[in-house]
């Protein structure tokens, strides 16, 4: 289990300094805000964005995805009483030539394995979309919801195969990474295909304005 440590020291009535390892960051604690420092809410959003970008950097080589750049835009809503962040929405903008299936697969990985994004999602409403930098379809975070039959979309990627060792005890071993990627790709393809079918069905069922008027 990993552990993290950060130290923060008050500099004056308007700013503090947080340090970890050999890095430091100025913290905005001024009642009226500082233009050149992150306040706590902005640090929260920055942590989510860093988690997402780090996750993309980690998983892209494993899934053989070619990316030229990534941008994350986040927006949070805060309520006054009791003060807390009630929702966060994000937009993952990826500069790539990969197809929709690959983008959906990338989004599933980001939502499933992000330490900070998972922590935030457990505490507040976290939703967003992923799309290409040159436009096109935007695939929402509902790609992470249940597949038909009630099975979590990425469950096969975290499922552990149970085997018995020489001592007779059960131990859990993860399937190979290639199996994970193949399972997730099939899951993403199923969801994306279903989503496309639903949208097509809605278009077909849209009433025509040229229909024959009803007789009274």
Protein backbone atom coordinates (compact mmCIF):
# COMPACT_ATOMS: atom_id res chain seq x y z
CA UNK A 1 0.00 0.00 0.00
CA UNK A 2 1.44 3.36 -1.05
CA UNK A 3 1.67 6.32 1.29
CA UNK A 4 1.98 10.02 0.52
CA UNK A 5 3.24 12.93 2.60
CA UNK A 6 3.00 16.69 2.06
CA UNK A 7 4.00 19.53 4.38
CA UNK A 8 2.42 22.99 4.27
CA UNK A 9 3.73 26.09 6.07
CA UNK A 10 2.05 29.46 6.47
CA UNK A 11 4.07 32.19 4.82
CA UNK A 12 1.78 35.08 5.75
CA UNK A 13 -1.92 35.93 5.96
CA UNK A 14 -2.34 35.45 2.22
CA UNK A 15 -0.17 32.55 1.21
CA UNK A 16 1.30 29.23 2.27
CA UNK A 17 3.88 26.91 0.77
CA UNK A 18 3.35 23.16 0.34
CA UNK A 19 6.39 20.95 -0.15
CA UNK A 20 7.01 17.32 -1.00
CA UNK A 21 10.22 15.65 -2.19
CA UNK A 22 12.11 18.46 -3.95
CA UNK A 23 9.02 20.32 -5.16
CA UNK A 24 6.98 23.17 -3.74
CA UNK A 25 3.81 25.03 -4.65
CA UNK A 26 2.34 28.31 -3.44
CA UNK A 27 -1.13 27.97 -1.86
CA UNK A 28 -3.75 30.72 -1.98
CA UNK A 29 -5.27 31.22 1.48
CA UNK A 30 -6.25 34.89 1.06
CA UNK A 31 -9.96 35.69 1.68
CA UNK A 32 -10.08 37.71 -1.54
CA UNK A 33 -7.93 35.24 -3.50
CA UNK A 34 -4.51 35.44 -5.12
CA UNK A 35 -4.24 35.65 -8.91
CA UNK A 36 -0.92 33.79 -9.03
CA UNK A 37 -1.68 30.80 -6.79
CA UNK A 38 -4.09 27.85 -6.61
CA UNK A 39 -6.77 27.95 -3.91
CA UNK A 40 -7.88 24.67 -2.28
CA UNK A 41 -10.72 24.04 -4.75
CA UNK A 42 -8.43 24.66 -7.72
CA UNK A 43 -5.81 22.35 -6.23
CA UNK A 44 -8.53 19.70 -5.99
CA UNK A 45 -9.31 20.05 -9.69
CA UNK A 46 -5.62 20.14 -10.57
CA UNK A 47 -5.11 16.88 -8.69
CA UNK A 48 -7.91 15.22 -10.68
CA UNK A 49 -6.49 16.46 -13.97
CA UNK A 50 -2.97 15.31 -13.07
CA UNK A 51 -4.36 11.89 -12.16
CA UNK A 52 -6.13 11.59 -15.51
CA UNK A 53 -3.15 12.68 -17.59
CA UNK A 54 -0.82 10.39 -15.65
CA UNK A 55 -3.23 7.52 -16.20
CA UNK A 56 -3.32 8.24 -19.92
CA UNK A 57 0.49 8.31 -20.08
CA UNK A 58 0.65 5.02 -18.21
CA UNK A 59 -1.91 3.05 -20.19
CA UNK A 60 -1.41 4.40 -23.74
CA UNK A 61 1.74 2.33 -24.45
CA UNK A 62 0.07 -0.79 -23.07
CA UNK A 63 -2.91 -0.34 -25.39
CA UNK A 64 -0.70 0.82 -28.29
CA UNK A 65 -2.45 4.18 -28.56
CA UNK A 66 -0.68 7.00 -30.38
CA UNK A 67 -1.30 10.42 -28.84
CA UNK A 68 0.17 13.81 -29.68
CA UNK A 69 -1.25 15.70 -26.73
CA UNK A 70 -3.86 15.74 -23.95
CA UNK A 71 -5.81 18.59 -22.40
CA UNK A 72 -8.15 18.32 -19.40
CA UNK A 73 -10.78 20.97 -18.67
CA UNK A 74 -12.59 20.79 -15.36
CA UNK A 75 -15.46 22.70 -13.78
CA UNK A 76 -16.65 22.34 -10.18
CA UNK A 77 -19.76 23.55 -8.37
CA UNK A 78 -19.56 24.44 -4.67
CA UNK A 79 -22.51 24.76 -2.32
CA UNK A 80 -22.42 27.18 0.59
CA UNK A 81 -24.02 25.25 3.44
CA UNK A 82 -22.44 22.97 4.31
CA UNK A 83 -19.54 24.11 2.13
CA UNK A 84 -18.45 21.33 -0.23
CA UNK A 85 -17.94 20.48 -3.90
CA UNK A 86 -21.19 18.93 -5.11
CA UNK A 87 -20.20 18.15 -8.70
CA UNK A 88 -17.23 18.08 -11.05
CA UNK A 89 -17.50 17.79 -14.80
CA UNK A 90 -14.54 17.37 -17.09
CA UNK A 91 -13.59 17.23 -20.75
CA UNK A 92 -10.68 15.10 -21.91
CA UNK A 93 -9.41 16.49 -25.21
CA UNK A 94 -7.00 14.13 -26.94
CA UNK A 95 -4.94 15.02 -30.00
CA UNK A 96 -4.93 11.68 -31.80
CA UNK A 97 -5.97 9.83 -34.94
CA UNK A 98 -7.27 6.83 -32.98
CA UNK A 99 -10.84 5.68 -33.63
CA UNK A 100 -13.86 6.02 -31.33
CA UNK A 101 -13.35 2.54 -29.92
CA UNK A 102 -9.83 3.38 -28.79
CA UNK A 103 -11.00 6.64 -27.21
CA UNK A 104 -13.74 4.81 -25.36
CA UNK A 105 -11.26 2.23 -24.17
CA UNK A 106 -8.90 4.97 -22.99
CA UNK A 107 -11.73 6.67 -21.11
CA UNK A 108 -12.65 3.41 -19.38
CA UNK A 109 -9.08 2.99 -18.16
CA UNK A 110 -8.87 6.57 -16.88
CA UNK A 111 -12.12 6.21 -14.97
CA UNK A 112 -11.35 2.79 -13.58
CA UNK A 113 -7.76 3.08 -12.39
CA UNK A 114 -7.27 6.74 -11.42
CA UNK A 115 -6.44 7.00 -7.71
CA UNK A 116 -7.52 10.61 -7.30
CA UNK A 117 -10.43 10.44 -9.74
CA UNK A 118 -11.78 7.36 -7.94
CA UNK A 119 -11.44 9.14 -4.61
CA UNK A 120 -13.25 12.20 -5.96
CA UNK A 121 -16.00 10.07 -7.55
CA UNK A 122 -16.65 8.42 -4.18
CA UNK A 123 -17.12 11.83 -2.54
CA UNK A 124 -18.98 13.83 -5.18
CA UNK A 125 -20.55 13.63 -8.63
CA UNK A 126 -17.81 13.22 -11.25
CA UNK A 127 -18.81 13.07 -14.91
CA UNK A 128 -17.19 13.96 -18.19
CA UNK A 129 -16.50 13.21 -21.82
CA UNK A 130 -13.52 12.37 -24.00
CA UNK A 131 -13.14 13.68 -27.55
CA UNK A 132 -10.54 14.43 -30.19
CA UNK A 133 -8.88 17.81 -30.41
CA UNK A 134 -10.19 18.20 -33.99
CA UNK A 135 -13.79 17.61 -32.92
CA UNK A 136 -15.97 14.58 -33.57
CA UNK A 137 -17.96 12.39 -31.21
CA UNK A 138 -17.65 12.95 -27.47
CA UNK A 139 -17.86 9.72 -25.49
CA UNK A 140 -19.25 10.30 -21.99
CA UNK A 141 -18.27 8.69 -18.70
CA UNK A 142 -21.37 6.50 -18.93
CA UNK A 143 -19.08 4.15 -20.84
CA UNK A 144 -18.16 3.07 -17.31
CA UNK A 145 -21.69 1.99 -16.38
CA UNK A 146 -23.12 -1.51 -16.54
CA UNK A 147 -23.18 -3.62 -19.64
CA UNK A 148 -26.29 -5.64 -20.53
CA UNK A 149 -26.79 -8.31 -17.89
CA UNK A 150 -25.69 -6.10 -15.01
CA UNK A 151 -21.94 -6.81 -15.21
CA UNK A 152 -19.63 -3.86 -14.57
CA UNK A 153 -18.11 -2.66 -17.83
CA UNK A 154 -14.52 -3.23 -16.73
CA UNK A 155 -15.09 -6.07 -14.31
CA UNK A 156 -13.23 -8.59 -16.42
CA UNK A 157 -10.19 -6.34 -16.25
CA UNK A 158 -10.08 -6.46 -12.47
CA UNK A 159 -11.34 -10.00 -12.03
CA UNK A 160 -8.85 -12.26 -10.28
CA UNK A 161 -8.45 -15.89 -11.23
CA UNK A 162 -8.42 -18.07 -8.15
CA UNK A 163 -5.89 -20.90 -8.02
CA UNK A 164 -4.60 -23.14 -5.28
CA UNK A 165 -0.96 -23.13 -4.40
CA UNK A 166 1.08 -26.07 -3.17
CA UNK A 167 0.00 -25.44 0.43
CA UNK A 168 -3.66 -25.79 -0.51
CA UNK A 169 -4.47 -22.15 0.14
CA UNK A 170 -6.25 -19.97 -2.33
CA UNK A 171 -4.30 -17.22 -4.01
CA UNK A 172 -5.47 -14.61 -6.52
CA UNK A 173 -3.59 -13.99 -9.75
CA UNK A 174 -4.49 -11.37 -12.31
CA UNK A 175 -4.89 -12.39 -15.96
CA UNK A 176 -2.14 -11.24 -18.34
CA UNK A 177 -2.19 -7.63 -19.47
CA UNK A 178 -2.99 -8.71 -23.01
CA UNK A 179 -6.12 -10.45 -21.73
CA UNK A 180 -7.11 -7.31 -19.82
CA UNK A 181 -6.77 -5.13 -22.90
CA UNK A 182 -8.69 -7.58 -25.10
CA UNK A 183 -11.53 -7.86 -22.57
CA UNK A 184 -11.76 -4.09 -22.16
CA UNK A 185 -11.72 -3.58 -25.93
CA UNK A 186 -14.64 -6.00 -26.31
CA UNK A 187 -16.52 -4.24 -23.50
CA UNK A 188 -15.93 -0.81 -25.03
CA UNK A 189 -16.99 -2.05 -28.46
CA UNK A 190 -20.21 -3.48 -27.02
CA UNK A 191 -21.12 -0.22 -25.26
CA UNK A 192 -20.23 2.01 -28.20
CA UNK A 193 -22.16 -0.20 -30.62
CA UNK A 194 -25.17 -0.20 -28.31
CA UNK A 195 -24.99 3.59 -27.96
CA UNK A 196 -24.85 4.04 -31.73
CA UNK A 197 -27.84 1.72 -32.18
CA UNK A 198 -29.86 3.66 -29.62
CA UNK A 199 -29.15 6.97 -31.34
CA UNK A 200 -30.01 5.47 -34.74
CA UNK A 201 -33.23 4.04 -33.32
CA UNK A 202 -34.23 7.45 -31.98
CA UNK A 203 -33.64 9.02 -35.38
CA UNK A 204 -35.80 6.39 -37.07
CA UNK A 205 -38.62 6.80 -34.55
CA UNK A 206 -38.68 10.60 -34.81
CA UNK A 207 -42.14 11.57 -36.16
CA UNK A 208 -42.28 13.06 -39.63
CA UNK A 209 -43.77 16.50 -40.14
CA UNK A 210 -44.99 15.35 -43.56
CA UNK A 211 -47.23 12.67 -42.11
CA UNK A 212 -50.87 12.65 -43.24
CA UNK A 213 -53.01 14.80 -40.90
CA UNK A 214 -55.52 13.05 -38.73
CA UNK A 215 -59.14 13.12 -39.85
CA UNK A 216 -61.69 14.50 -37.39
